[in-house]
Amino acid sequence: MATAELHGQKLSPLEQGYAAFLKGMSIKQNPFDTENNTSPVSKRRWAEGWNKAQREAWRKV
């Protein structure tokens, strides 16, 4: 699975997707959704994080 860094801490694809929703990114902007992506798990986990953040946002309304 791919990871990214934020302030020296590694972020999982789930955390990256969660953060992407909070930044206002569309689910179609998944960085793992490319033709050359060899990690379908990362793509799915990113989308799961994005969806989790969306559900939590709806609960707060």
PDB file of N, CA and C in Angstrom:
ATOM      1  N   MET A   1       0.831  -1.173   0.000  1.00  0.00           N
ATOM      2  CA  MET A   1       0.000   0.000   0.000  1.00  0.00           C
ATOM      3  C   MET A   1       0.880   1.242   0.000  1.00  0.00           C
ATOM      4  N   ALA A   2       0.428   2.253  -0.671  1.00  0.00           N
ATOM      5  CA  ALA A   2       1.185   3.495  -0.751  1.00  0.00           C
ATOM      6  C   ALA A   2       0.958   4.343   0.491  1.00  0.00           C
ATOM      7  N   THR A   3       1.953   5.139   0.819  1.00  0.00           N
ATOM      8  CA  THR A   3       1.824   6.067   1.939  1.00  0.00           C
ATOM      9  C   THR A   3       2.308   7.434   1.501  1.00  0.00           C
ATOM     10  N   ALA A   4       1.845   8.453   2.187  1.00  0.00           N
ATOM     11  CA  ALA A   4       2.295   9.824   1.958  1.00  0.00           C
ATOM     12  C   ALA A   4       2.719  10.382   3.304  1.00  0.00           C
ATOM     13  N   GLU A   5       3.422  11.494   3.273  1.00  0.00           N
ATOM     14  CA  GLU A   5       3.857  12.088   4.535  1.00  0.00           C
ATOM     15  C   GLU A   5       3.216  13.446   4.727  1.00  0.00           C
ATOM     16  N   LEU A   6       2.835  13.737   5.963  1.00  0.00           N
ATOM     17  CA  LEU A   6       2.314  15.036   6.351  1.00  0.00           C
ATOM     18  C   LEU A   6       2.983  15.387   7.662  1.00  0.00           C
ATOM     19  N   HIS A   7       3.772  16.441   7.652  1.00  0.00           N
ATOM     20  CA  HIS A   7       4.508  16.869   8.844  1.00  0.00           C
ATOM     21  C   HIS A   7       5.352  15.733   9.408  1.00  0.00           C
ATOM     22  N   GLY A   8       5.977  14.964   8.521  1.00  0.00           N
ATOM     23  CA  GLY A   8       6.862  13.894   8.951  1.00  0.00           C
ATOM     24  C   GLY A   8       6.174  12.613   9.366  1.00  0.00           C
ATOM     25  N   GLN A   9       4.848  12.584   9.321  1.00  0.00           N
ATOM     26  CA  GLN A   9       4.111  11.374   9.691  1.00  0.00           C
ATOM     27  C   GLN A   9       3.571  10.715   8.429  1.00  0.00           C
ATOM     28  N   LYS A  10       3.621   9.407   8.403  1.00  0.00           N
ATOM     29  CA  LYS A  10       3.125   8.675   7.239  1.00  0.00           C
ATOM     30  C   LYS A  10       1.599   8.547   7.316  1.00  0.00           C
ATOM     31  N   LEU A  11       0.948   8.771   6.178  1.00  0.00           N
ATOM     32  CA  LEU A  11      -0.504   8.655   6.079  1.00  0.00           C
ATOM     33  C   LEU A  11      -0.853   7.467   5.196  1.00  0.00           C
ATOM     34  N   SER A  12      -1.778   6.659   5.648  1.00  0.00           N
ATOM     35  CA  SER A  12      -2.253   5.535   4.844  1.00  0.00           C
ATOM     36  C   SER A  12      -3.204   6.068   3.771  1.00  0.00           C
ATOM     37  N   PRO A  13      -3.508   5.266   2.755  1.00  0.00           N
ATOM     38  CA  PRO A  13      -4.479   5.697   1.751  1.00  0.00           C
ATOM     39  C   PRO A  13      -5.833   6.059   2.368  1.00  0.00           C
ATOM     40  N   LEU A  14      -6.248   5.349   3.424  1.00  0.00           N
ATOM     41  CA  LEU A  14      -7.509   5.671   4.090  1.00  0.00           C
ATOM     42  C   LEU A  14      -7.446   7.089   4.661  1.00  0.00           C
ATOM     43  N   GLU A  15      -6.356   7.407   5.329  1.00  0.00           N
ATOM     44  CA  GLU A  15      -6.195   8.741   5.912  1.00  0.00           C
ATOM     45  C   GLU A  15      -6.070   9.810   4.829  1.00  0.00           C
ATOM     46  N   GLN A  16      -5.435   9.459   3.722  1.00  0.00           N
ATOM     47  CA  GLN A  16      -5.316  10.401   2.609  1.00  0.00           C
ATOM     48  C   GLN A  16      -6.691  10.718   2.021  1.00  0.00           C
ATOM     49  N   GLY A  17      -7.534   9.696   1.864  1.00  0.00           N
ATOM     50  CA  GLY A  17      -8.885   9.905   1.344  1.00  0.00           C
ATOM     51  C   GLY A  17      -9.727  10.735   2.292  1.00  0.00           C
ATOM     52  N   TYR A  18      -9.592  10.473   3.583  1.00  0.00           N
ATOM     53  CA  TYR A  18     -10.320  11.228   4.604  1.00  0.00           C
ATOM     54  C   TYR A  18      -9.917  12.704   4.528  1.00  0.00           C
ATOM     55  N   ALA A  19      -8.624  12.956   4.457  1.00  0.00           N
ATOM     56  CA  ALA A  19      -8.118  14.328   4.382  1.00  0.00           C
ATOM     57  C   ALA A  19      -8.553  15.001   3.079  1.00  0.00           C
ATOM     58  N   ALA A  20      -8.613  14.239   2.001  1.00  0.00           N
ATOM     59  CA  ALA A  20      -9.020  14.793   0.711  1.00  0.00           C
ATOM     60  C   ALA A  20     -10.453  15.304   0.775  1.00  0.00           C
ATOM     61  N   PHE A  21     -11.350  14.559   1.429  1.00  0.00           N
ATOM     62  CA  PHE A  21     -12.733  15.024   1.560  1.00  0.00           C
ATOM     63  C   PHE A  21     -12.774  16.323   2.351  1.00  0.00           C
ATOM     64  N   LEU A  22     -12.003  16.384   3.426  1.00  0.00           N
ATOM     65  CA  LEU A  22     -11.986  17.584   4.259  1.00  0.00           C
ATOM     66  C   LEU A  22     -11.442  18.794   3.494  1.00  0.00           C
ATOM     67  N   LYS A  23     -10.590  18.549   2.503  1.00  0.00           N
ATOM     68  CA  LYS A  23     -10.043  19.631   1.677  1.00  0.00           C
ATOM     69  C   LYS A  23     -10.992  20.020   0.549  1.00  0.00           C
ATOM     70  N   GLY A  24     -12.073  19.259   0.374  1.00  0.00           N
ATOM     71  CA  GLY A  24     -13.049  19.576  -0.661  1.00  0.00           C
ATOM     72  C   GLY A  24     -12.801  18.901  -1.997  1.00  0.00           C
ATOM     73  N   MET A  25     -11.963  17.891  -2.020  1.00  0.00           N
ATOM     74  CA  MET A  25     -11.696  17.175  -3.268  1.00  0.00           C
ATOM     75  C   MET A  25     -12.860  16.251  -3.614  1.00  0.00           C
ATOM     76  N   SER A  26     -13.057  16.043  -4.900  1.00  0.00           N
ATOM     77  CA  SER A  26     -14.067  15.111  -5.389  1.00  0.00           C
ATOM     78  C   SER A  26     -13.540  13.689  -5.267  1.00  0.00           C
ATOM     79  N   ILE A  27     -14.461  12.737  -5.138  1.00  0.00           N
ATOM     80  CA  ILE A  27     -14.032  11.331  -5.077  1.00  0.00           C
ATOM     81  C   ILE A  27     -13.383  10.906  -6.391  1.00  0.00           C
ATOM     82  N   LYS A  28     -13.684  11.610  -7.471  1.00  0.00           N
ATOM     83  CA  LYS A  28     -13.094  11.288  -8.769  1.00  0.00           C
ATOM     84  C   LYS A  28     -11.641  11.744  -8.870  1.00  0.00           C
ATOM     85  N   GLN A  29     -11.153  12.464  -7.865  1.00  0.00           N
ATOM     86  CA  GLN A  29      -9.763  12.929  -7.857  1.00  0.00           C
ATOM     87  C   GLN A  29      -8.854  11.966  -7.100  1.00  0.00           C
ATOM     88  N   ASN A  30      -9.254  10.722  -7.007  1.00  0.00           N
ATOM     89  CA  ASN A  30      -8.471   9.695  -6.328  1.00  0.00           C
ATOM     90  C   ASN A  30      -7.109   9.559  -7.016  1.00  0.00           C
ATOM     91  N   PRO A  31      -6.009   9.845  -6.304  1.00  0.00           N
ATOM     92  CA  PRO A  31      -4.691   9.769  -6.934  1.00  0.00           C
ATOM     93  C   PRO A  31      -4.274   8.342  -7.298  1.00  0.00           C
ATOM     94  N   PHE A  32      -4.946   7.352  -6.759  1.00  0.00           N
ATOM     95  CA  PHE A  32      -4.619   5.960  -7.056  1.00  0.00           C
ATOM     96  C   PHE A  32      -5.438   5.422  -8.224  1.00  0.00           C
ATOM     97  N   ASP A  33      -6.347   6.245  -8.760  1.00  0.00           N
ATOM     98  CA  ASP A  33      -7.210   5.824  -9.861  1.00  0.00           C
ATOM     99  C   ASP A  33      -6.554   6.186 -11.194  1.00  0.00           C
ATOM    100  N   THR A  34      -5.477   5.503 -11.498  1.00  0.00           N
ATOM    101  CA  THR A  34      -4.761   5.741 -12.748  1.00  0.00           C
ATOM    102  C   THR A  34      -4.599   4.425 -13.496  1.00  0.00           C
ATOM    103  N   GLU A  35      -4.307   4.551 -14.755  1.00  0.00           N
ATOM    104  CA  GLU A  35      -4.138   3.357 -15.584  1.00  0.00           C
ATOM    105  C   GLU A  35      -2.914   2.547 -15.162  1.00  0.00           C
ATOM    106  N   ASN A  36      -1.879   3.226 -14.693  1.00  0.00           N
ATOM    107  CA  ASN A  36      -0.631   2.557 -14.324  1.00  0.00           C
ATOM    108  C   ASN A  36      -0.593   2.118 -12.865  1.00  0.00           C
ATOM    109  N   ASN A  37      -1.654   2.351 -12.123  1.00  0.00           N
ATOM    110  CA  ASN A  37      -1.660   2.006 -10.697  1.00  0.00           C
ATOM    111  C   ASN A  37      -1.617   0.490 -10.533  1.00  0.00           C
ATOM    112  N   THR A  38      -0.663   0.041  -9.763  1.00  0.00           N
ATOM    113  CA  THR A  38      -0.521  -1.399  -9.542  1.00  0.00           C
ATOM    114  C   THR A  38      -1.056  -1.810  -8.179  1.00  0.00           C
ATOM    115  N   SER A  39      -1.728  -0.895  -7.486  1.00  0.00           N
ATOM    116  CA  SER A  39      -2.224  -1.196  -6.148  1.00  0.00           C
ATOM    117  C   SER A  39      -3.719  -0.897  -6.033  1.00  0.00           C
ATOM    118  N   PRO A  40      -4.575  -1.830  -6.476  1.00  0.00           N
ATOM    119  CA  PRO A  40      -6.018  -1.593  -6.369  1.00  0.00           C
ATOM    120  C   PRO A  40      -6.477  -1.473  -4.918  1.00  0.00           C
ATOM    121  N   VAL A  41      -5.710  -2.033  -3.983  1.00  0.00           N
ATOM    122  CA  VAL A  41      -6.067  -1.932  -2.567  1.00  0.00           C
ATOM    123  C   VAL A  41      -5.970  -0.478  -2.116  1.00  0.00           C
ATOM    124  N   SER A  42      -4.931   0.223  -2.525  1.00  0.00           N
ATOM    125  CA  SER A  42      -4.767   1.630  -2.163  1.00  0.00           C
ATOM    126  C   SER A  42      -5.915   2.459  -2.727  1.00  0.00           C
ATOM    127  N   LYS A  43      -6.301   2.168  -3.963  1.00  0.00           N
ATOM    128  CA  LYS A  43      -7.413   2.890  -4.594  1.00  0.00           C
ATOM    129  C   LYS A  43      -8.693   2.702  -3.777  1.00  0.00           C
ATOM    130  N   ARG A  44      -8.962   1.466  -3.383  1.00  0.00           N
ATOM    131  CA  ARG A  44     -10.174   1.174  -2.617  1.00  0.00           C
ATOM    132  C   ARG A  44     -10.123   1.807  -1.230  1.00  0.00           C
ATOM    133  N   ARG A  45      -8.969   1.721  -0.565  1.00  0.00           N
ATOM    134  CA  ARG A  45      -8.833   2.283   0.784  1.00  0.00           C
ATOM    135  C   ARG A  45      -8.972   3.806   0.766  1.00  0.00           C
ATOM    136  N   TRP A  46      -8.458   4.478  -0.280  1.00  0.00           N
ATOM    137  CA  TRP A  46      -8.592   5.923  -0.402  1.00  0.00           C
ATOM    138  C   TRP A  46     -10.078   6.279  -0.497  1.00  0.00           C
ATOM    139  N   ALA A  47     -10.806   5.547  -1.332  1.00  0.00           N
ATOM    140  CA  ALA A  47     -12.243   5.794  -1.486  1.00  0.00           C
ATOM    141  C   ALA A  47     -12.985   5.518  -0.180  1.00  0.00           C
ATOM    142  N   GLU A  48     -12.570   4.495   0.565  1.00  0.00           N
ATOM    143  CA  GLU A  48     -13.203   4.208   1.857  1.00  0.00           C
ATOM    144  C   GLU A  48     -12.990   5.359   2.835  1.00  0.00           C
ATOM    145  N   GLY A  49     -11.804   5.935   2.850  1.00  0.00           N
ATOM    146  CA  GLY A  49     -11.527   7.080   3.720  1.00  0.00           C
ATOM    147  C   GLY A  49     -12.358   8.287   3.331  1.00  0.00           C
ATOM    148  N   TRP A  50     -12.488   8.528   2.030  1.00  0.00           N
ATOM    149  CA  TRP A  50     -13.284   9.647   1.534  1.00  0.00           C
ATOM    150  C   TRP A  50     -14.750   9.469   1.940  1.00  0.00           C
ATOM    151  N   ASN A  51     -15.262   8.245   1.761  1.00  0.00           N
ATOM    152  CA  ASN A  51     -16.652   7.958   2.124  1.00  0.00           C
ATOM    153  C   ASN A  51     -16.882   8.068   3.627  1.00  0.00           C
ATOM    154  N   LYS A  52     -15.923   7.642   4.423  1.00  0.00           N
ATOM    155  CA  LYS A  52     -16.043   7.737   5.880  1.00  0.00           C
ATOM    156  C   LYS A  52     -16.163   9.198   6.308  1.00  0.00           C
ATOM    157  N   ALA A  53     -15.334  10.057   5.748  1.00  0.00           N
ATOM    158  CA  ALA A  53     -15.387  11.483   6.080  1.00  0.00           C
ATOM    159  C   ALA A  53     -16.725  12.080   5.653  1.00  0.00           C
ATOM    160  N   GLN A  54     -17.234  11.650   4.507  1.00  0.00           N
ATOM    161  CA  GLN A  54     -18.517  12.152   4.024  1.00  0.00           C
ATOM    162  C   GLN A  54     -19.647  11.739   4.967  1.00  0.00           C
ATOM    163  N   ARG A  55     -19.646  10.485   5.412  1.00  0.00           N
ATOM    164  CA  ARG A  55     -20.680  10.020   6.344  1.00  0.00           C
ATOM    165  C   ARG A  55     -20.639  10.809   7.646  1.00  0.00           C
ATOM    166  N   GLU A  56     -19.436  11.029   8.158  1.00  0.00           N
ATOM    167  CA  GLU A  56     -19.298  11.766   9.410  1.00  0.00           C
ATOM    168  C   GLU A  56     -19.754  13.211   9.251  1.00  0.00           C
ATOM    169  N   ALA A  57     -19.520  13.800   8.090  1.00  0.00           N
ATOM    170  CA  ALA A  57     -19.960  15.174   7.837  1.00  0.00           C
ATOM    171  C   ALA A  57     -21.488  15.244   7.829  1.00  0.00           C
ATOM    172  N   TRP A  58     -22.143  14.235   7.250  1.00  0.00           N
ATOM    173  CA  TRP A  58     -23.604  14.222   7.217  1.00  0.00           C
ATOM    174  C   TRP A  58     -24.197  14.040   8.609  1.00  0.00           C
ATOM    175  N   ARG A  59     -23.516  13.291   9.466  1.00  0.00           N
ATOM    176  CA  ARG A  59     -24.016  13.086  10.829  1.00  0.00           C
ATOM    177  C   ARG A  59     -24.009  14.375  11.637  1.00  0.00           C
ATOM    178  N   LYS A  60     -23.060  15.254  11.331  1.00  0.00           N
ATOM    179  CA  LYS A  60     -22.931  16.504  12.081  1.00  0.00           C
ATOM    180  C   LYS A  60     -23.988  17.528  11.693  1.00  0.00           C
ATOM    181  N   VAL A  61     -24.645  17.311  10.546  1.00  0.00           N
ATOM    182  CA  VAL A  61     -25.653  18.268  10.065  1.00  0.00           C
ATOM    183  C   VAL A  61     -26.934  18.129  10.835  1.00  0.00           C
TER     184      VAL A  61
END
